[in-house]
PDB file of N, CA and C in Angstrom:
ATOM      1  N   MET A   1      81.300  43.749 -92.714  1.00  0.00           N
ATOM      2  CA  MET A   1      82.446  44.908 -91.814  1.00  0.00           C
ATOM      3  C   MET A   1      82.007  45.106 -90.374  1.00  0.00           C
ATOM      4  N   ASP A   2      82.901  44.700 -89.379  1.00  0.00           N
ATOM      5  CA  ASP A   2      82.782  44.649 -88.208  1.00  0.00           C
ATOM      6  C   ASP A   2      82.922  45.985 -87.623  1.00  0.00           C
ATOM      7  N   THR A   3      82.195  46.338 -86.387  1.00  0.00           N
ATOM      8  CA  THR A   3      82.136  47.685 -85.588  1.00  0.00           C
ATOM      9  C   THR A   3      83.467  48.129 -85.573  1.00  0.00           C
ATOM     10  N   THR A   4      84.731  47.987 -85.441  1.00  0.00           N
ATOM     11  CA  THR A   4      85.823  48.564 -85.134  1.00  0.00           C
ATOM     12  C   THR A   4      86.020  49.127 -86.485  1.00  0.00           C
ATOM     13  N   LYS A   5      85.973  48.255 -87.811  1.00  0.00           N
ATOM     14  CA  LYS A   5      86.225  49.107 -89.240  1.00  0.00           C
ATOM     15  C   LYS A   5      85.032  49.961 -89.670  1.00  0.00           C
ATOM     16  N   ARG A   6      83.690  49.939 -89.245  1.00  0.00           N
ATOM     17  CA  ARG A   6      82.967  51.074 -89.417  1.00  0.00           C
ATOM     18  C   ARG A   6      83.288  52.149 -88.485  1.00  0.00           C
ATOM     19  N   ARG A   7      83.775  52.195 -87.414  1.00  0.00           N
ATOM     20  CA  ARG A   7      84.348  53.351 -86.336  1.00  0.00           C
ATOM     21  C   ARG A   7      85.254  54.098 -86.995  1.00  0.00           C
ATOM     22  N   GLU A   8      86.519  52.940 -87.302  1.00  0.00           N
ATOM     23  CA  GLU A   8      87.819  53.566 -88.012  1.00  0.00           C
ATOM     24  C   GLU A   8      87.152  54.548 -89.384  1.00  0.00           C
ATOM     25  N   ALA A   9      86.136  53.605 -90.561  1.00  0.00           N
ATOM     26  CA  ALA A   9      86.078  54.501 -91.637  1.00  0.00           C
ATOM     27  C   ALA A   9      85.009  55.692 -91.030  1.00  0.00           C
ATOM     28  N   LEU A  10      84.602  55.721 -90.332  1.00  0.00           N
ATOM     29  CA  LEU A  10      83.421  57.101 -89.520  1.00  0.00           C
ATOM     30  C   LEU A  10      84.448  58.023 -89.440  1.00  0.00           C
ATOM     31  N   GLY A  11      85.541  57.783 -88.352  1.00  0.00           N
ATOM     32  CA  GLY A  11      86.730  58.739 -87.944  1.00  0.00           C
ATOM     33  C   GLY A  11      87.505  59.036 -89.035  1.00  0.00           C
ATOM     34  N   ALA A  12      87.724  58.404 -89.851  1.00  0.00           N
ATOM     35  CA  ALA A  12      88.399  58.798 -91.151  1.00  0.00           C
ATOM     36  C   ALA A  12      87.687  59.943 -92.413  1.00  0.00           C
ATOM     37  N   ALA A  13      86.431  59.285 -92.422  1.00  0.00           N
ATOM     38  CA  ALA A  13      85.846  60.740 -92.843  1.00  0.00           C
ATOM     39  C   ALA A  13      85.768  61.874 -92.598  1.00  0.00           C
ATOM     40  N   ILE A  14      85.354  61.559 -91.044  1.00  0.00           N
ATOM     41  CA  ILE A  14      85.297  63.065 -90.229  1.00  0.00           C
ATOM     42  C   ILE A  14      86.657  63.892 -90.617  1.00  0.00           C
ATOM     43  N   LYS A  15      87.756  62.886 -90.107  1.00  0.00           N
ATOM     44  CA  LYS A  15      89.198  63.412 -90.081  1.00  0.00           C
ATOM     45  C   LYS A  15      88.971  64.486 -91.575  1.00  0.00           C
ATOM     46  N   THR A  16      88.881  63.819 -92.514  1.00  0.00           N
ATOM     47  CA  THR A  16      89.457  64.245 -93.947  1.00  0.00           C
ATOM     48  C   THR A  16      88.347  65.467 -94.181  1.00  0.00           C
ATOM     49  N   ARG A  17      87.285  65.362 -93.639  1.00  0.00           N
ATOM     50  CA  ARG A  17      86.003  66.766 -93.713  1.00  0.00           C
ATOM     51  C   ARG A  17      86.831  67.759 -92.985  1.00  0.00           C
ATOM     52  N   ARG A  18      87.159  67.520 -92.108  1.00  0.00           N
ATOM     53  CA  ARG A  18      88.009  68.395 -91.167  1.00  0.00           C
ATOM     54  C   ARG A  18      89.053  69.287 -91.699  1.00  0.00           C
ATOM     55  N   VAL A  19      90.057  68.457 -91.928  1.00  0.00           N
ATOM     56  CA  VAL A  19      91.285  68.674 -92.389  1.00  0.00           C
ATOM     57  C   VAL A  19      90.849  69.571 -93.628  1.00  0.00           C
ATOM     58  N   GLU A  20      90.329  69.343 -94.511  1.00  0.00           N
ATOM     59  CA  GLU A  20      89.762  69.677 -96.017  1.00  0.00           C
ATOM     60  C   GLU A  20      89.305  71.228 -95.640  1.00  0.00           C
ATOM     61  N   GLN A  21      88.423  71.463 -94.391  1.00  0.00           N
ATOM     62  CA  GLN A  21      87.974  72.738 -94.212  1.00  0.00           C
ATOM     63  C   GLN A  21      88.988  73.741 -93.511  1.00  0.00           C
ATOM     64  N   GLY A  22      90.213  72.873 -93.031  1.00  0.00           N
ATOM     65  CA  GLY A  22      90.854  73.597 -92.375  1.00  0.00           C
ATOM     66  C   GLY A  22      90.775  73.951 -90.743  1.00  0.00           C
ATOM     67  N   LEU A  23      90.071  73.004 -90.365  1.00  0.00           N
ATOM     68  CA  LEU A  23      89.546  73.080 -89.047  1.00  0.00           C
ATOM     69  C   LEU A  23      90.810  72.301 -87.949  1.00  0.00           C
ATOM     70  N   SER A  24      90.962  72.472 -86.715  1.00  0.00           N
ATOM     71  CA  SER A  24      91.481  72.026 -85.946  1.00  0.00           C
ATOM     72  C   SER A  24      90.565  71.007 -84.990  1.00  0.00           C
ATOM     73  N   GLN A  25      91.374  70.098 -84.331  1.00  0.00           N
ATOM     74  CA  GLN A  25      90.376  69.360 -83.488  1.00  0.00           C
ATOM     75  C   GLN A  25      89.524  70.057 -82.486  1.00  0.00           C
ATOM     76  N   GLU A  26      90.387  71.136 -81.734  1.00  0.00           N
ATOM     77  CA  GLU A  26      90.146  71.778 -81.126  1.00  0.00           C
ATOM     78  C   GLU A  26      88.878  72.619 -81.372  1.00  0.00           C
ATOM     79  N   ARG A  27      88.940  73.397 -82.564  1.00  0.00           N
ATOM     80  CA  ARG A  27      87.791  74.147 -83.248  1.00  0.00           C
ATOM     81  C   ARG A  27      86.827  73.562 -83.275  1.00  0.00           C
ATOM     82  N   LEU A  28      86.838  72.206 -83.901  1.00  0.00           N
ATOM     83  CA  LEU A  28      85.468  71.392 -84.227  1.00  0.00           C
ATOM     84  C   LEU A  28      84.900  70.888 -83.049  1.00  0.00           C
ATOM     85  N   ALA A  29      85.568  70.603 -82.006  1.00  0.00           N
ATOM     86  CA  ALA A  29      85.218  70.237 -80.920  1.00  0.00           C
ATOM     87  C   ALA A  29      84.230  71.539 -80.071  1.00  0.00           C
ATOM     88  N   PHE A  30      84.758  72.854 -80.195  1.00  0.00           N
ATOM     89  CA  PHE A  30      84.209  73.826 -79.637  1.00  0.00           C
ATOM     90  C   PHE A  30      82.709  73.898 -80.473  1.00  0.00           C
ATOM     91  N   MET A  31      82.816  73.863 -81.942  1.00  0.00           N
ATOM     92  CA  MET A  31      81.333  73.719 -82.771  1.00  0.00           C
ATOM     93  C   MET A  31      80.713  72.916 -82.370  1.00  0.00           C
ATOM     94  N   VAL A  32      81.229  71.531 -81.756  1.00  0.00           N
ATOM     95  CA  VAL A  32      79.934  70.579 -81.623  1.00  0.00           C
ATOM     96  C   VAL A  32      79.448  70.722 -80.279  1.00  0.00           C
ATOM     97  N   GLY A  33      80.130  71.100 -79.288  1.00  0.00           N
ATOM     98  CA  GLY A  33      79.930  71.051 -77.946  1.00  0.00           C
ATOM     99  C   GLY A  33      80.774  70.033 -77.327  1.00  0.00           C
ATOM    100  N   SER A  34      81.886  69.437 -77.637  1.00  0.00           N
ATOM    101  CA  SER A  34      82.482  68.330 -76.911  1.00  0.00           C
ATOM    102  C   SER A  34      84.286  68.666 -76.913  1.00  0.00           C
ATOM    103  N   SER A  35      84.883  67.953 -76.393  1.00  0.00           N
ATOM    104  CA  SER A  35      86.509  68.000 -76.153  1.00  0.00           C
ATOM    105  C   SER A  35      87.265  67.986 -77.309  1.00  0.00           C
ATOM    106  N   LYS A  36      88.339  68.325 -77.269  1.00  0.00           N
ATOM    107  CA  LYS A  36      89.415  68.052 -78.271  1.00  0.00           C
ATOM    108  C   LYS A  36      89.702  66.360 -78.565  1.00  0.00           C
ATOM    109  N   ALA A  37      89.894  66.132 -77.008  1.00  0.00           N
ATOM    110  CA  ALA A  37      90.135  64.187 -76.681  1.00  0.00           C
ATOM    111  C   ALA A  37      88.883  63.478 -77.190  1.00  0.00           C
ATOM    112  N   HIS A  38      87.949  63.775 -76.787  1.00  0.00           N
ATOM    113  CA  HIS A  38      86.579  63.316 -77.683  1.00  0.00           C
ATOM    114  C   HIS A  38      86.543  63.357 -79.401  1.00  0.00           C
ATOM    115  N   ILE A  39      86.486  63.931 -80.008  1.00  0.00           N
ATOM    116  CA  ILE A  39      87.291  64.286 -81.543  1.00  0.00           C
ATOM    117  C   ILE A  39      88.026  63.446 -81.781  1.00  0.00           C
ATOM    118  N   TRP A  40      89.191  63.389 -81.257  1.00  0.00           N
ATOM    119  CA  TRP A  40      90.466  62.800 -81.527  1.00  0.00           C
ATOM    120  C   TRP A  40      90.030  61.265 -81.011  1.00  0.00           C
ATOM    121  N   ARG A  41      89.436  60.612 -80.222  1.00  0.00           N
ATOM    122  CA  ARG A  41      89.040  59.231 -79.948  1.00  0.00           C
ATOM    123  C   ARG A  41      87.714  58.977 -81.072  1.00  0.00           C
ATOM    124  N   ILE A  42      86.955  59.696 -81.502  1.00  0.00           N
ATOM    125  CA  ILE A  42      86.200  59.923 -82.651  1.00  0.00           C
ATOM    126  C   ILE A  42      87.253  59.339 -83.947  1.00  0.00           C
ATOM    127  N   GLU A  43      87.895  60.393 -84.418  1.00  0.00           N
ATOM    128  CA  GLU A  43      88.770  59.994 -85.326  1.00  0.00           C
ATOM    129  C   GLU A  43      89.540  58.825 -85.581  1.00  0.00           C
ATOM    130  N   LYS A  44      90.095  58.734 -84.331  1.00  0.00           N
ATOM    131  CA  LYS A  44      90.733  57.101 -84.444  1.00  0.00           C
ATOM    132  C   LYS A  44      89.593  55.854 -84.408  1.00  0.00           C
ATOM    133  N   GLY A  45      88.399  56.075 -84.353  1.00  0.00           N
ATOM    134  CA  GLY A  45      87.658  55.015 -84.224  1.00  0.00           C
ATOM    135  C   GLY A  45      87.820  53.902 -82.970  1.00  0.00           C
ATOM    136  N   SER A  46      88.130  54.802 -81.727  1.00  0.00           N
ATOM    137  CA  SER A  46      88.211  54.117 -80.708  1.00  0.00           C
ATOM    138  C   SER A  46      87.023  54.052 -79.633  1.00  0.00           C
ATOM    139  N   VAL A  47      85.872  54.592 -80.098  1.00  0.00           N
ATOM    140  CA  VAL A  47      84.716  54.975 -79.333  1.00  0.00           C
ATOM    141  C   VAL A  47      83.653  54.908 -80.404  1.00  0.00           C
ATOM    142  N   GLY A  48      82.360  54.576 -79.731  1.00  0.00           N
ATOM    143  CA  GLY A  48      81.145  55.036 -80.839  1.00  0.00           C
ATOM    144  C   GLY A  48      80.738  56.088 -80.494  1.00  0.00           C
ATOM    145  N   VAL A  49      79.677  56.505 -81.478  1.00  0.00           N
ATOM    146  CA  VAL A  49      79.315  57.897 -81.623  1.00  0.00           C
ATOM    147  C   VAL A  49      77.952  57.874 -81.969  1.00  0.00           C
ATOM    148  N   GLY A  50      77.535  58.683 -81.135  1.00  0.00           N
ATOM    149  CA  GLY A  50      75.407  58.837 -80.937  1.00  0.00           C
ATOM    150  C   GLY A  50      75.341  59.703 -81.879  1.00  0.00           C
ATOM    151  N   LEU A  51      74.088  59.448 -82.249  1.00  0.00           N
ATOM    152  CA  LEU A  51      73.160  59.921 -83.192  1.00  0.00           C
ATOM    153  C   LEU A  51      73.629  61.435 -82.961  1.00  0.00           C
ATOM    154  N   ASP A  52      72.933  61.989 -81.828  1.00  0.00           N
ATOM    155  CA  ASP A  52      72.982  63.572 -81.633  1.00  0.00           C
ATOM    156  C   ASP A  52      74.322  63.893 -82.009  1.00  0.00           C
ATOM    157  N   ASP A  53      75.089  63.658 -81.570  1.00  0.00           N
ATOM    158  CA  ASP A  53      76.889  63.922 -81.829  1.00  0.00           C
ATOM    159  C   ASP A  53      77.117  63.788 -83.201  1.00  0.00           C
ATOM    160  N   LEU A  54      76.882  62.591 -83.553  1.00  0.00           N
ATOM    161  CA  LEU A  54      77.162  62.524 -85.379  1.00  0.00           C
ATOM    162  C   LEU A  54      76.370  63.408 -86.372  1.00  0.00           C
ATOM    163  N   CYS A  55      75.103  64.275 -85.521  1.00  0.00           N
ATOM    164  CA  CYS A  55      74.530  65.013 -86.464  1.00  0.00           C
ATOM    165  C   CYS A  55      75.020  66.540 -86.173  1.00  0.00           C
ATOM    166  N   ARG A  56      75.778  66.639 -85.141  1.00  0.00           N
ATOM    167  CA  ARG A  56      76.509  68.108 -84.692  1.00  0.00           C
ATOM    168  C   ARG A  56      77.624  67.990 -85.608  1.00  0.00           C
ATOM    169  N   ILE A  57      78.549  67.152 -85.621  1.00  0.00           N
ATOM    170  CA  ILE A  57      79.792  66.614 -86.100  1.00  0.00           C
ATOM    171  C   ILE A  57      79.120  66.943 -87.931  1.00  0.00           C
ATOM    172  N   ALA A  58      78.164  66.468 -88.470  1.00  0.00           N
ATOM    173  CA  ALA A  58      78.005  66.638 -89.718  1.00  0.00           C
ATOM    174  C   ALA A  58      77.535  68.253 -89.817  1.00  0.00           C
ATOM    175  N   ASP A  59      76.667  68.879 -89.156  1.00  0.00           N
ATOM    176  CA  ASP A  59      76.408  70.104 -89.413  1.00  0.00           C
ATOM    177  C   ASP A  59      77.785  71.058 -89.261  1.00  0.00           C
ATOM    178  N   ALA A  60      78.410  70.491 -88.021  1.00  0.00           N
ATOM    179  CA  ALA A  60      79.488  71.738 -88.382  1.00  0.00           C
ATOM    180  C   ALA A  60      80.556  71.331 -89.237  1.00  0.00           C
ATOM    181  N   LEU A  61      80.597  70.179 -89.994  1.00  0.00           N
ATOM    182  CA  LEU A  61      81.333  70.171 -91.227  1.00  0.00           C
ATOM    183  C   LEU A  61      80.778  70.501 -92.603  1.00  0.00           C
ATOM    184  N   ASP A  62      79.148  71.033 -92.121  1.00  0.00           N
ATOM    185  CA  ASP A  62      78.579  71.487 -93.534  1.00  0.00           C
ATOM    186  C   ASP A  62      78.322  70.034 -94.331  1.00  0.00           C
ATOM    187  N   THR A  63      77.894  69.192 -93.911  1.00  0.00           N
ATOM    188  CA  THR A  63      77.819  67.710 -94.876  1.00  0.00           C
ATOM    189  C   THR A  63      76.650  67.190 -94.367  1.00  0.00           C
ATOM    190  N   LYS A  64      76.166  66.061 -94.941  1.00  0.00           N
ATOM    191  CA  LYS A  64      75.364  65.040 -94.338  1.00  0.00           C
ATOM    192  C   LYS A  64      75.948  63.749 -93.719  1.00  0.00           C
ATOM    193  N   VAL A  65      75.073  63.480 -92.778  1.00  0.00           N
ATOM    194  CA  VAL A  65      75.283  62.134 -92.013  1.00  0.00           C
ATOM    195  C   VAL A  65      76.046  60.892 -92.953  1.00  0.00           C
ATOM    196  N   SER A  66      74.755  60.891 -94.020  1.00  0.00           N
ATOM    197  CA  SER A  66      75.086  60.078 -94.754  1.00  0.00           C
ATOM    198  C   SER A  66      76.598  59.952 -95.445  1.00  0.00           C
ATOM    199  N   GLU A  67      77.031  61.093 -95.826  1.00  0.00           N
ATOM    200  CA  GLU A  67      78.399  61.607 -96.377  1.00  0.00           C
ATOM    201  C   GLU A  67      79.378  61.032 -95.683  1.00  0.00           C
ATOM    202  N   LEU A  68      79.324  61.259 -94.163  1.00  0.00           N
ATOM    203  CA  LEU A  68      80.413  60.527 -93.454  1.00  0.00           C
ATOM    204  C   LEU A  68      80.497  59.078 -93.292  1.00  0.00           C
ATOM    205  N   MET A  69      79.781  58.372 -93.618  1.00  0.00           N
ATOM    206  CA  MET A  69      79.428  56.822 -93.434  1.00  0.00           C
ATOM    207  C   MET A  69      79.513  56.336 -94.846  1.00  0.00           C
ATOM    208  N   PRO A  70      81.280  55.798 -95.218  1.00  0.00           N
ATOM    209  CA  PRO A  70      81.266  55.206 -96.489  1.00  0.00           C
ATOM    210  C   PRO A  70      81.122  53.744 -96.231  1.00  0.00           C
ATOM    211  N   PHE A  71      80.244  53.335 -95.536  1.00  0.00           N
ATOM    212  CA  PHE A  71      79.921  51.717 -95.558  1.00  0.00           C
ATOM    213  C   PHE A  71      78.448  51.728 -95.701  1.00  0.00           C
TER     214      PHE A  71
END
């Protein structure tokens, strides 16, 4: 699996968890100290995610980082 596909898979997993929990992109961004635009780019797979950001996202979604990485 190439980098683009990994980013897309990670973004889709984050979006799925976010939607399941009834969170908007704006609310998730607030919870992790980011911007709505950055969350949107992560969910679309158009940017890479640093470990610190990924951990904050996982914590906000009450999940493990490994559960957001289906690859």
